[in-house]
Structure formats: C-alpha cells, structure tokens
Amino acid sequence: MEWIFITLASLLAGFVDAIVGGGGLVMVPALFAAFPGAPPATLLGTNKAASVWGTAMATWQYSRKVQVRWSAMLPAAGAGFAGSFAGAWAVTVMSADFLRKLLPLVLLGVLAYTLVKKELGRHHTPRFTGQAEVLAASLIGLLIGFYDGFFGPGTGSFFVFLFVRLLGYDFLNASASAKLLNCATNIAAIALFAAKGHVWWHFAVTLAIANVVGSLLGTHLALKHGTGFVRGIFIVVVSSLILKTGYDAFLR
C-alpha cells in the first residue's frame, strides 16, 4: 500500500511543482506518513532524487515554448548549486529552528504583496539586461539556493516571486526560469544525500516516473492557460505553505 500511496503523491507533487513549485508540500508529508520510523534525511534524500526528474522535464518543456533568458539563468543555476551545497553543509553545524518560525511570516508577506499588487507578474517586462541581469539572477540563485540546502520549504515559490518582483518577469517566465535553478539546487542536495547513503533508490525510480508524468500534465496546463493561471496556482500554493509551515512552527 505504501508504494501506491507515495506514487500517487509523487504524481500530484510533480503536477503542482511544474506549475509554480511547492511539490515538496505534497511529497514530503506523504513520505513521512508512509514511513514514520525512517530517518528524516533518507526521506528527504529520496524525495529530492525523485522530484529532480520532474523538475528537469518541466524545464525542458518550458524551454520549448518560453524564451528562457539562458545567458542569465545558466550562471544563476551555477550560483544556486553552490548556494545549496553550502546550505546543506551549514545545516550540519547550526540549527535551522529559527527559520521554522520565521518562514510562515515571510510567506505571509509574499502572499499579501501578491494579492495587493494585482498586476504583479501579469506582464513580462525584464528590468535588467546583460551583466546586470546575470548578477541579479545569480544573487537570487545563491541566496535561495543556500536556503534550499539549509531548510527548503517553498524554494520554488521564492524563486518565482523574486524573479517576478525583482527581475520584472511574468509568472509564466518566472516559473520556467525557477525550474532550471531548482534543478541545480536539487542536484547539489542529492549529491550530499547520496554520498551519505540517504537515498532509497528502489523507491526513487518509481517515484521519479510518477513525478515526470505529473510534471508533463502540469507544464501542459501552465503553457495552455498562461500567466494568469500560474499566478492563481502560486497564490494557492503559498497559502497552503503558510498553513503547513505555521502549524509545524507554532502548533506541533
């Protein structure tokens, strides 16, 4: 039964993650519910090893239809990889408890800003070009990459929000770019987890296939319905993240 449960969860996670990020909101609780006695690092490593394939597929699908700004995003992905690896190392020497309580408040600010600024992310008007865009995107990659390695929840949503708010992308282009950077941060985390033996590869293969199928469905809907649809899903996912992280931080 655990196989069926977590496979369906991986399918849904791939679907949500392909649109706007936040697949971990579905997959991580499912793994912890199915295997309550397993080491947390092993469940997190297995999740990363499965979800990276759906994220990679979404990146490829988006790149065929959306003009990804590769000259800025590839250096940003490299910065995200380095940041994620540094964050994963940092969590081995310091506690992330302070982020647990801060995160729902930060997400609440992101949601409020998105709701108030109704035109936010509806039009694709990049604010930077050339080296300025490379620098801005790389700083976002480094910062959120470090956060992903150190703590993680909401990484994709943070990428999307910052690309929209700081770089002037619309939600569809921001989501496409976020997928590339999320691939890089996931690969860094997988390298660390795998080196320490914290990946169940026999589960990861099945979950990866389901995640890719969900990712294809999610990407298709995002491309079909455009930036307004992605914005709506972003609001739903961030709202869910606020409830989940708020419960974990203050009520559990």
Protein backbone atom coordinates (compact mmCIF):
# COMPACT_ATOMS: atom_id res chain seq x y z
CA MET A 1 0.00 0.00 0.00
CA GLU A 2 2.87 2.38 0.73
CA TRP A 3 4.04 2.06 -2.88
CA ILE A 4 0.64 3.10 -4.25
CA PHE A 5 0.21 5.95 -1.75
CA ILE A 6 3.60 7.57 -2.30
CA THR A 7 3.46 7.02 -6.09
CA LEU A 8 0.16 8.91 -6.31
CA ALA A 9 1.62 11.60 -4.04
CA SER A 10 4.63 11.90 -6.37
CA LEU A 11 2.30 12.27 -9.37
CA LEU A 12 0.45 15.14 -7.67
CA ALA A 13 3.72 16.69 -6.45
CA GLY A 14 5.10 16.72 -9.99
CA PHE A 15 1.90 18.35 -11.25
CA VAL A 16 1.98 21.15 -8.66
CA ASP A 17 5.73 21.66 -8.84
CA ALA A 18 5.74 22.01 -12.63
CA ILE A 19 3.30 24.91 -12.47
CA VAL A 20 4.75 27.03 -9.70
CA GLY A 21 6.89 24.98 -7.30
CA GLY A 22 5.82 23.59 -3.95
CA GLY A 23 5.79 19.90 -4.82
CA GLY A 24 7.54 19.15 -1.54
CA LEU A 25 4.38 20.33 0.21
CA VAL A 26 2.74 17.16 -1.13
CA MET A 27 5.59 14.66 -1.31
CA VAL A 28 7.48 15.18 1.95
CA PRO A 29 4.46 14.77 4.27
CA ALA A 30 3.40 11.70 2.25
CA LEU A 31 6.80 10.05 2.75
CA PHE A 32 6.82 10.84 6.47
CA ALA A 33 3.28 9.46 6.81
CA ALA A 34 4.12 6.26 4.91
CA PHE A 35 7.42 5.63 6.71
CA PRO A 36 7.17 7.24 10.17
CA GLY A 37 10.14 5.30 11.53
CA ALA A 38 12.59 6.13 8.73
CA PRO A 39 15.45 8.64 9.20
CA PRO A 40 14.29 12.10 8.04
CA ALA A 41 17.44 12.57 5.93
CA THR A 42 16.64 9.39 3.99
CA LEU A 43 13.09 10.53 3.23
CA LEU A 44 14.29 13.99 2.18
CA GLY A 45 17.02 12.47 0.00
CA THR A 46 14.55 10.09 -1.64
CA ASN A 47 12.17 12.98 -2.32
CA LYS A 48 14.93 15.00 -3.98
CA ALA A 49 16.12 12.03 -6.05
CA ALA A 50 12.58 11.56 -7.42
CA SER A 51 11.48 15.17 -7.83
CA VAL A 52 14.56 16.35 -9.72
CA TRP A 53 13.43 14.34 -12.76
CA GLY A 54 10.03 16.02 -12.86
CA THR A 55 11.71 19.40 -12.45
CA ALA A 56 14.14 18.62 -15.28
CA MET A 57 11.27 17.56 -17.54
CA ALA A 58 9.37 20.75 -16.74
CA THR A 59 12.49 22.80 -17.53
CA TRP A 60 12.78 21.13 -20.93
CA GLN A 61 9.06 21.55 -21.69
CA TYR A 62 9.05 25.22 -20.74
CA SER A 63 12.21 25.92 -22.73
CA ARG A 64 10.45 24.77 -25.93
CA LYS A 65 7.66 27.33 -25.53
CA VAL A 66 9.06 30.12 -23.34
CA GLN A 67 12.04 32.33 -24.16
CA VAL A 68 14.21 31.47 -21.16
CA ARG A 69 16.97 34.05 -20.71
CA TRP A 70 19.75 31.47 -20.78
CA SER A 71 22.61 33.96 -20.62
CA ALA A 72 21.43 35.00 -17.15
CA MET A 73 19.85 31.77 -15.95
CA LEU A 74 22.77 29.39 -16.53
CA PRO A 75 25.15 31.40 -14.28
CA ALA A 76 22.28 31.75 -11.80
CA ALA A 77 21.83 27.97 -11.81
CA GLY A 78 25.54 27.56 -11.05
CA ALA A 79 25.20 30.00 -8.17
CA GLY A 80 22.13 28.09 -6.96
CA PHE A 81 24.09 24.83 -6.98
CA ALA A 82 26.91 26.38 -4.95
CA GLY A 83 24.45 28.02 -2.55
CA SER A 84 22.52 24.79 -2.00
CA PHE A 85 25.67 22.82 -1.29
CA ALA A 86 26.83 25.48 1.17
CA GLY A 87 23.42 25.48 2.84
CA ALA A 88 23.41 21.71 3.18
CA TRP A 89 26.83 21.92 4.83
CA ALA A 90 25.71 24.77 7.13
CA VAL A 91 22.76 22.79 8.46
CA THR A 92 25.22 20.17 9.72
CA VAL A 93 26.85 22.73 12.02
CA MET A 94 23.95 25.00 13.06
CA SER A 95 20.25 24.74 13.82
CA ALA A 96 17.52 25.78 11.38
CA ASP A 97 14.93 26.21 14.17
CA PHE A 98 14.86 29.99 13.83
CA LEU A 99 13.81 29.63 10.17
CA ARG A 100 10.97 27.32 11.18
CA LYS A 101 9.20 30.16 12.98
CA LEU A 102 10.24 32.91 10.57
CA LEU A 103 9.16 31.10 7.37
CA PRO A 104 5.34 31.35 7.70
CA LEU A 105 5.66 35.07 8.42
CA VAL A 106 7.84 35.63 5.34
CA LEU A 107 5.40 33.62 3.21
CA LEU A 108 2.50 35.66 4.59
CA GLY A 109 4.30 38.80 3.42
CA VAL A 110 4.81 37.27 -0.05
CA LEU A 111 1.11 36.35 -0.28
CA ALA A 112 -0.10 39.77 0.91
CA TYR A 113 2.16 41.57 -1.56
CA THR A 114 0.98 39.37 -4.44
CA LEU A 115 -2.69 39.93 -3.58
CA VAL A 116 -2.33 43.69 -3.17
CA LYS A 117 -0.32 44.13 -6.37
CA LYS A 118 -2.90 42.66 -8.73
CA GLU A 119 -0.84 43.44 -11.83
CA LEU A 120 2.28 41.80 -10.36
CA GLY A 121 3.65 39.22 -12.77
CA ARG A 122 0.98 39.70 -15.44
CA HIS A 123 3.36 41.34 -17.94
CA HIS A 124 6.85 40.25 -18.96
CA THR A 125 8.99 43.38 -18.76
CA PRO A 126 12.54 42.42 -17.68
CA ARG A 127 14.19 45.22 -15.72
CA PHE A 128 17.81 44.26 -16.44
CA THR A 129 19.92 43.20 -19.40
CA GLY A 130 23.46 41.92 -19.87
CA GLN A 131 25.76 41.70 -16.85
CA ALA A 132 23.25 43.43 -14.57
CA GLU A 133 20.72 40.67 -15.18
CA VAL A 134 23.37 37.97 -14.71
CA LEU A 135 24.41 39.49 -11.39
CA ALA A 136 20.84 39.95 -10.11
CA ALA A 137 19.77 36.43 -11.14
CA SER A 138 22.93 34.89 -9.68
CA LEU A 139 22.41 36.63 -6.35
CA ILE A 140 18.86 35.24 -6.24
CA GLY A 141 20.23 31.80 -7.15
CA LEU A 142 22.88 31.95 -4.43
CA LEU A 143 20.51 33.20 -1.72
CA ILE A 144 17.59 30.86 -2.39
CA GLY A 145 19.97 28.00 -3.22
CA PHE A 146 21.51 28.38 0.24
CA TYR A 147 18.03 28.42 1.75
CA ASP A 148 17.08 25.25 -0.16
CA GLY A 149 20.13 23.38 1.10
CA PHE A 150 19.73 24.70 4.64
CA PHE A 151 15.96 24.34 5.10
CA GLY A 152 13.97 24.05 1.86
CA PRO A 153 10.16 24.50 2.05
CA GLY A 154 8.84 26.91 -0.57
CA THR A 155 12.08 27.16 -2.58
CA GLY A 156 10.32 27.13 -5.96
CA SER A 157 7.79 29.73 -4.81
CA PHE A 158 10.56 32.02 -3.57
CA PHE A 159 12.36 31.75 -6.91
CA VAL A 160 9.16 32.61 -8.78
CA PHE A 161 8.31 35.56 -6.52
CA LEU A 162 11.79 37.09 -6.72
CA PHE A 163 12.00 36.70 -10.48
CA VAL A 164 8.65 38.46 -10.77
CA ARG A 165 9.27 41.17 -8.18
CA LEU A 166 12.95 41.94 -8.76
CA LEU A 167 13.61 40.98 -12.38
CA GLY A 168 10.24 42.02 -13.85
CA TYR A 169 9.30 38.61 -15.31
CA ASP A 170 5.70 37.49 -15.67
CA PHE A 171 4.61 34.41 -13.71
CA LEU A 172 4.99 32.03 -16.67
CA ASN A 173 8.55 33.12 -17.49
CA ALA A 174 9.44 33.22 -13.79
CA SER A 175 8.19 29.67 -13.33
CA ALA A 176 10.16 28.45 -16.35
CA SER A 177 13.36 30.04 -15.01
CA ALA A 178 12.70 28.80 -11.48
CA LYS A 179 12.60 25.21 -12.75
CA LEU A 180 16.15 25.46 -14.10
CA LEU A 181 17.51 26.84 -10.83
CA ASN A 182 15.53 24.34 -8.79
CA CYS A 183 17.16 21.54 -10.83
CA ALA A 184 20.58 22.85 -9.85
CA THR A 185 19.74 23.18 -6.14
CA ASN A 186 18.18 19.70 -6.11
CA ILE A 187 21.23 18.11 -7.75
CA ALA A 188 23.50 19.67 -5.11
CA ALA A 189 21.31 18.28 -2.33
CA ILE A 190 21.12 14.84 -3.97
CA ALA A 191 24.92 14.71 -4.22
CA LEU A 192 25.18 15.30 -0.48
CA PHE A 193 22.37 12.90 0.49
CA ALA A 194 23.61 10.15 -1.83
CA ALA A 195 27.19 10.46 -0.56
CA LYS A 196 25.89 9.84 2.94
CA GLY A 197 23.65 6.92 1.86
CA HIS A 198 20.39 8.77 2.42
CA VAL A 199 18.54 7.80 -0.77
CA TRP A 200 16.22 4.81 -1.22
CA TRP A 201 16.92 4.24 -4.90
CA HIS A 202 14.41 1.36 -5.19
CA PHE A 203 11.64 3.83 -4.31
CA ALA A 204 13.19 6.80 -6.10
CA VAL A 205 12.94 5.22 -9.57
CA THR A 206 9.17 4.57 -9.35
CA LEU A 207 8.53 7.94 -7.75
CA ALA A 208 10.59 9.67 -10.45
CA ILE A 209 8.45 8.16 -13.22
CA ALA A 210 5.25 9.28 -11.49
CA ASN A 211 6.74 12.72 -10.87
CA VAL A 212 7.62 13.13 -14.55
CA VAL A 213 4.07 12.21 -15.61
CA GLY A 214 2.64 14.77 -13.18
CA SER A 215 5.17 17.32 -14.39
CA LEU A 216 4.13 16.86 -18.02
CA LEU A 217 0.48 17.41 -17.11
CA GLY A 218 1.26 20.49 -15.01
CA THR A 219 3.51 22.06 -17.64
CA HIS A 220 0.88 21.47 -20.34
CA LEU A 221 -1.77 23.29 -18.29
CA ALA A 222 0.55 26.18 -17.41
CA LEU A 223 1.54 26.72 -21.05
CA LYS A 224 -2.05 26.35 -22.22
CA HIS A 225 -3.63 28.78 -19.73
CA GLY A 226 -0.77 31.25 -19.33
CA THR A 227 0.43 33.61 -16.66
CA GLY A 228 -2.96 34.27 -15.00
CA PHE A 229 -3.38 30.56 -14.31
CA VAL A 230 0.15 30.28 -12.92
CA ARG A 231 -0.48 33.32 -10.68
CA GLY A 232 -3.63 31.68 -9.29
CA ILE A 233 -1.81 28.42 -8.52
CA PHE A 234 1.01 30.44 -6.94
CA ILE A 235 -1.47 32.04 -4.52
CA VAL A 236 -2.98 28.64 -3.64
CA VAL A 237 0.43 27.02 -3.07
CA VAL A 238 1.79 29.89 -0.96
CA SER A 239 -1.41 29.90 1.12
CA SER A 240 -1.01 26.15 1.70
CA LEU A 241 2.64 26.62 2.62
CA ILE A 242 1.67 29.26 5.20
CA LEU A 243 -0.79 26.87 6.84
CA LYS A 244 1.64 23.94 6.79
CA THR A 245 4.73 25.79 7.99
CA GLY A 246 2.72 27.78 10.54
CA TYR A 247 1.34 24.57 12.02
CA ASP A 248 4.80 22.99 12.12
CA ALA A 249 6.35 26.06 13.77
CA PHE A 250 3.74 27.05 16.34
CA LEU A 251 1.23 24.24 16.93
CA ARG A 252 3.02 20.92 16.58
